[in-house]
Amino acid sequence: MNYFFISNDFATGPGFGMFSPTHLLTLLFLAFVGFFIIRNYVKSERSNRKTIRRTIAVIIVSLEVIKDIALLSTGQFTLGNFPFQLCGLGIFFVLWDAFKPTRTSQALLYSLTLPGALMAELTPDWVTNHFINLFVWQSFLIHCLLISYVLCQLISRELLPDFRELRLVLGVMVVIVPIVWVLNQLWATNFFFLEIPVAGSPLMPVHDIFGNFYILGMILLVLLFWMVMYLPWELAKTMRKASKI
């Protein structure tokens, strides 16, 4: 099979390497793409922003559908290609938020989709594939759009993180994570990386340190990420209140 159509799951390497010059230059290019999207969004009238959000959502869904069609047509589709990874669910969170935004959809996007997509771009599990490859670029672009979608609202202050809304996120995750775990056992998949982390990712040292208690380590890491993500916003709120006294 032509290397352009080999899926990330079936790639055998050597690939382009994590944090290689190729990877870093790609991240720089994607940063420019994201900057262009965010700049255009922030400068747009409020009435046009809804259209931009919905356009991004439709493009994200289209990229996922194109990937699945390509996998099916080349006989490479596996159970692990269902969108039950964290960023796969992020596709549905974006679609939900673009058409029926709620506090829950925004909390899910900020607390889960944004850090998940950032980590996927920084420590991709598709680095063993050829750089000039349909699935590699689909992965890079879809994660770039997920990040851009959240940052558009964050920078325009349409999304204001509030740690109290984490209870909404936890309510959703209490339902989703057990389902994902069961699917992993039934299908021998690795959704949410609950079974084994990506080499080179922040989850790898967690796995090495916690061993059989790896999932507990993941929970602690998520809590640490959330503290870093929400603490600056809470400090800013406290300082604003103090300045008014």
Protein backbone atom coordinates (compact mmCIF):
# COMPACT_ATOMS: atom_id res chain seq x y z
CA MET A 1 0.00 0.00 0.00
CA ASN A 2 1.13 3.54 -0.78
CA TYR A 3 2.58 5.14 2.38
CA PHE A 4 0.19 8.07 1.95
CA PHE A 5 -2.74 5.82 2.90
CA ILE A 6 -1.20 3.73 5.70
CA SER A 7 -3.16 4.38 8.89
CA ASN A 8 -1.46 5.56 12.06
CA ASP A 9 -2.34 2.24 13.73
CA PHE A 10 -0.61 0.17 11.04
CA ALA A 11 2.46 2.38 10.56
CA THR A 12 5.69 0.60 11.47
CA GLY A 13 8.10 3.53 11.37
CA PRO A 14 10.59 5.02 11.43
CA GLY A 15 8.24 7.98 10.94
CA PHE A 16 9.24 11.59 11.59
CA GLY A 17 9.92 11.45 15.34
CA MET A 18 8.56 13.27 18.36
CA PHE A 19 10.14 16.73 18.85
CA SER A 20 12.13 16.26 15.66
CA PRO A 21 12.71 19.33 13.44
CA THR A 22 9.83 18.13 11.26
CA HIS A 23 7.49 17.87 14.24
CA LEU A 24 8.52 21.26 15.65
CA LEU A 25 8.16 23.02 12.28
CA THR A 26 4.72 21.46 11.89
CA LEU A 27 3.70 22.77 15.32
CA LEU A 28 4.92 26.22 14.26
CA PHE A 29 2.86 26.05 11.08
CA LEU A 30 -0.23 24.93 13.02
CA ALA A 31 0.32 27.75 15.51
CA PHE A 32 0.12 30.22 12.60
CA VAL A 33 -3.07 28.52 11.38
CA GLY A 34 -4.56 28.76 14.86
CA PHE A 35 -3.45 32.39 15.20
CA PHE A 36 -5.17 33.29 11.93
CA ILE A 37 -8.41 31.60 12.99
CA ILE A 38 -8.41 33.19 16.46
CA ARG A 39 -7.48 36.65 15.15
CA ASN A 40 -10.28 36.50 12.59
CA TYR A 41 -12.74 35.36 15.24
CA VAL A 42 -11.84 38.03 17.79
CA LYS A 43 -12.07 40.78 15.16
CA SER A 44 -15.45 39.56 13.90
CA GLU A 45 -18.75 41.03 14.93
CA ARG A 46 -20.55 39.02 17.57
CA SER A 47 -23.23 38.12 15.02
CA ASN A 48 -20.59 36.48 12.79
CA ARG A 49 -18.87 34.54 15.53
CA LYS A 50 -21.62 31.94 15.71
CA THR A 51 -21.10 31.24 12.00
CA ILE A 52 -17.35 30.86 12.51
CA ARG A 53 -17.84 28.45 15.43
CA ARG A 54 -20.29 26.36 13.43
CA THR A 55 -17.99 26.35 10.41
CA ILE A 56 -15.10 25.09 12.53
CA ALA A 57 -17.37 22.41 14.03
CA VAL A 58 -18.51 21.24 10.59
CA ILE A 59 -14.91 21.11 9.31
CA ILE A 60 -13.87 19.07 12.36
CA VAL A 61 -16.68 16.57 11.84
CA SER A 62 -15.90 16.42 8.11
CA LEU A 63 -12.25 15.62 8.80
CA GLU A 64 -13.31 12.76 11.07
CA VAL A 65 -15.73 11.41 8.47
CA ILE A 66 -13.07 11.62 5.75
CA LYS A 67 -10.68 9.67 7.97
CA ASP A 68 -13.26 6.94 8.61
CA ILE A 69 -14.17 6.66 4.91
CA ALA A 70 -10.48 6.39 4.01
CA LEU A 71 -9.91 3.71 6.67
CA LEU A 72 -12.96 1.71 5.57
CA SER A 73 -12.11 1.96 1.87
CA THR A 74 -8.54 0.72 2.50
CA GLY A 75 -9.61 -2.04 4.90
CA GLN A 76 -7.81 -0.50 7.87
CA PHE A 77 -10.74 0.47 10.10
CA THR A 78 -10.53 -1.10 13.55
CA LEU A 79 -12.57 -0.84 16.73
CA GLY A 80 -9.95 1.55 18.07
CA ASN A 81 -10.90 4.06 15.37
CA PHE A 82 -14.28 4.79 16.91
CA PRO A 83 -14.22 8.33 18.39
CA PHE A 84 -14.03 7.30 22.04
CA GLN A 85 -10.67 8.88 22.76
CA LEU A 86 -10.71 12.12 24.74
CA CYS A 87 -10.23 14.20 21.59
CA GLY A 88 -12.75 12.05 19.73
CA LEU A 89 -15.33 13.03 22.31
CA GLY A 90 -14.07 16.59 21.90
CA ILE A 91 -15.51 16.51 18.39
CA PHE A 92 -18.96 15.99 19.87
CA PHE A 93 -18.34 18.62 22.56
CA VAL A 94 -17.48 21.17 19.85
CA LEU A 95 -20.51 20.21 17.78
CA TRP A 96 -22.72 20.53 20.87
CA ASP A 97 -21.25 23.88 21.83
CA ALA A 98 -21.41 25.30 18.29
CA PHE A 99 -25.13 24.65 17.94
CA LYS A 100 -26.47 24.48 21.52
CA PRO A 101 -23.88 26.06 23.82
CA THR A 102 -24.24 25.55 27.56
CA ARG A 103 -22.09 26.01 30.66
CA THR A 104 -21.44 22.26 30.58
CA SER A 105 -20.25 22.23 26.96
CA GLN A 106 -17.87 25.12 27.64
CA ALA A 107 -16.56 23.51 30.84
CA LEU A 108 -15.92 20.24 28.98
CA LEU A 109 -14.09 22.05 26.20
CA TYR A 110 -11.83 24.00 28.54
CA SER A 111 -11.10 21.28 31.09
CA LEU A 112 -10.82 18.25 28.79
CA THR A 113 -10.67 19.05 25.09
CA LEU A 114 -8.14 21.90 25.26
CA PRO A 115 -5.47 20.11 27.36
CA GLY A 116 -6.13 16.80 25.60
CA ALA A 117 -5.68 18.29 22.13
CA LEU A 118 -2.59 20.24 23.21
CA MET A 119 -0.97 17.09 24.59
CA ALA A 120 -1.89 15.20 21.41
CA GLU A 121 -0.12 17.80 19.26
CA LEU A 122 2.94 17.92 21.54
CA THR A 123 3.23 14.15 22.05
CA PRO A 124 1.40 12.60 19.07
CA ASP A 125 0.97 8.86 18.83
CA TRP A 126 1.20 9.10 15.02
CA VAL A 127 4.91 10.00 14.85
CA THR A 128 5.76 6.47 13.65
CA ASN A 129 3.88 7.15 10.42
CA HIS A 130 5.26 8.83 7.30
CA PHE A 131 5.04 12.62 7.46
CA ILE A 132 3.41 12.91 4.02
CA ASN A 133 0.38 10.86 4.99
CA LEU A 134 -3.37 11.45 4.92
CA PHE A 135 -3.97 10.29 8.49
CA VAL A 136 -1.01 12.16 9.96
CA TRP A 137 -2.25 15.45 8.57
CA GLN A 138 -5.85 14.69 9.46
CA SER A 139 -4.69 14.18 13.05
CA PHE A 140 -2.61 17.35 13.13
CA LEU A 141 -5.36 19.50 11.61
CA ILE A 142 -8.27 18.19 13.64
CA HIS A 143 -6.42 18.74 16.92
CA CYS A 144 -5.36 22.21 15.76
CA LEU A 145 -9.01 23.08 15.11
CA LEU A 146 -10.11 21.70 18.48
CA ILE A 147 -7.55 23.91 20.21
CA SER A 148 -8.43 26.93 18.07
CA TYR A 149 -12.14 26.53 18.75
CA VAL A 150 -11.63 26.72 22.51
CA LEU A 151 -9.07 29.52 22.36
CA CYS A 152 -11.37 31.62 20.16
CA GLN A 153 -13.90 31.77 22.97
CA LEU A 154 -11.29 32.00 25.72
CA ILE A 155 -9.44 34.95 24.21
CA SER A 156 -12.66 36.74 23.29
CA ARG A 157 -13.78 36.19 26.91
CA GLU A 158 -16.91 34.37 25.83
CA LEU A 159 -15.61 31.47 27.87
CA LEU A 160 -14.66 32.34 31.44
CA PRO A 161 -13.33 29.32 33.36
CA ASP A 162 -14.87 28.73 36.76
CA PHE A 163 -13.60 25.85 38.90
CA ARG A 164 -17.10 25.39 40.34
CA GLU A 165 -18.19 24.15 36.91
CA LEU A 166 -15.83 21.18 37.26
CA ARG A 167 -18.70 19.45 39.03
CA LEU A 168 -20.49 19.45 35.65
CA VAL A 169 -17.42 17.91 34.03
CA LEU A 170 -17.13 15.27 36.74
CA GLY A 171 -20.81 14.42 36.32
CA VAL A 172 -20.23 13.71 32.62
CA MET A 173 -16.99 11.79 33.21
CA VAL A 174 -18.55 9.56 35.87
CA VAL A 175 -20.81 8.30 33.11
CA ILE A 176 -18.31 8.20 30.24
CA VAL A 177 -15.17 6.72 31.83
CA PRO A 178 -16.75 3.43 33.04
CA ILE A 179 -18.26 2.92 29.56
CA VAL A 180 -14.88 3.55 27.95
CA TRP A 181 -13.18 1.16 30.38
CA VAL A 182 -15.69 -1.59 29.54
CA LEU A 183 -15.16 -1.02 25.81
CA ASN A 184 -11.41 -1.32 26.32
CA GLN A 185 -11.90 -4.70 28.00
CA LEU A 186 -14.33 -5.99 25.38
CA TRP A 187 -12.53 -4.68 22.31
CA ALA A 188 -8.90 -4.76 23.51
CA THR A 189 -8.63 -1.04 22.76
CA ASN A 190 -6.87 1.78 24.61
CA PHE A 191 -9.39 4.62 24.70
CA PHE A 192 -8.42 7.46 27.05
CA PHE A 193 -5.05 5.65 27.29
CA LEU A 194 -6.46 3.81 30.29
CA GLU A 195 -4.44 0.68 29.48
CA ILE A 196 -1.08 2.07 28.44
CA PRO A 197 0.22 5.61 27.78
CA VAL A 198 1.83 7.02 24.65
CA ALA A 199 5.62 6.79 24.86
CA GLY A 200 7.05 10.24 25.54
CA SER A 201 3.79 11.65 26.89
CA PRO A 202 3.31 12.97 30.46
CA LEU A 203 1.42 9.74 31.18
CA MET A 204 4.54 7.60 30.68
CA PRO A 205 6.28 8.59 33.94
CA VAL A 206 2.92 8.27 35.71
CA HIS A 207 2.70 4.69 34.46
CA ASP A 208 6.29 4.00 35.52
CA ILE A 209 5.78 5.45 39.00
CA PHE A 210 2.32 4.11 39.83
CA GLY A 211 2.52 0.74 38.06
CA ASN A 212 -0.66 -1.21 38.82
CA PHE A 213 -2.18 1.99 40.24
CA TYR A 214 -1.67 3.79 36.92
CA ILE A 215 -5.30 4.99 36.74
CA LEU A 216 -4.97 6.55 40.20
CA GLY A 217 -1.88 8.34 38.94
CA MET A 218 -3.85 9.56 35.92
CA ILE A 219 -6.52 11.00 38.21
CA LEU A 220 -3.89 12.85 40.26
CA LEU A 221 -2.29 14.19 37.07
CA VAL A 222 -5.67 15.45 35.81
CA LEU A 223 -6.28 17.18 39.15
CA LEU A 224 -2.84 18.81 38.92
CA PHE A 225 -3.58 20.00 35.37
CA TRP A 226 -6.92 21.44 36.48
CA MET A 227 -5.28 23.27 39.38
CA VAL A 228 -2.80 24.88 36.97
CA MET A 229 -5.57 25.71 34.50
CA TYR A 230 -8.07 27.17 36.96
CA LEU A 231 -5.91 28.75 39.67
CA PRO A 232 -4.87 31.83 37.62
CA TRP A 233 -8.52 32.61 36.87
CA GLU A 234 -9.50 32.31 40.51
CA LEU A 235 -6.57 34.48 41.61
CA ALA A 236 -7.57 37.10 39.04
CA LYS A 237 -11.14 37.11 40.38
CA THR A 238 -9.86 37.49 43.94
CA MET A 239 -7.61 40.39 42.96
CA ARG A 240 -10.44 42.16 41.12
CA LYS A 241 -12.70 41.84 44.17
CA ALA A 242 -9.94 43.12 46.47
CA SER A 243 -9.33 46.14 44.24
CA LYS A 244 -12.99 47.15 44.55
CA ILE A 245 -12.91 47.22 48.35
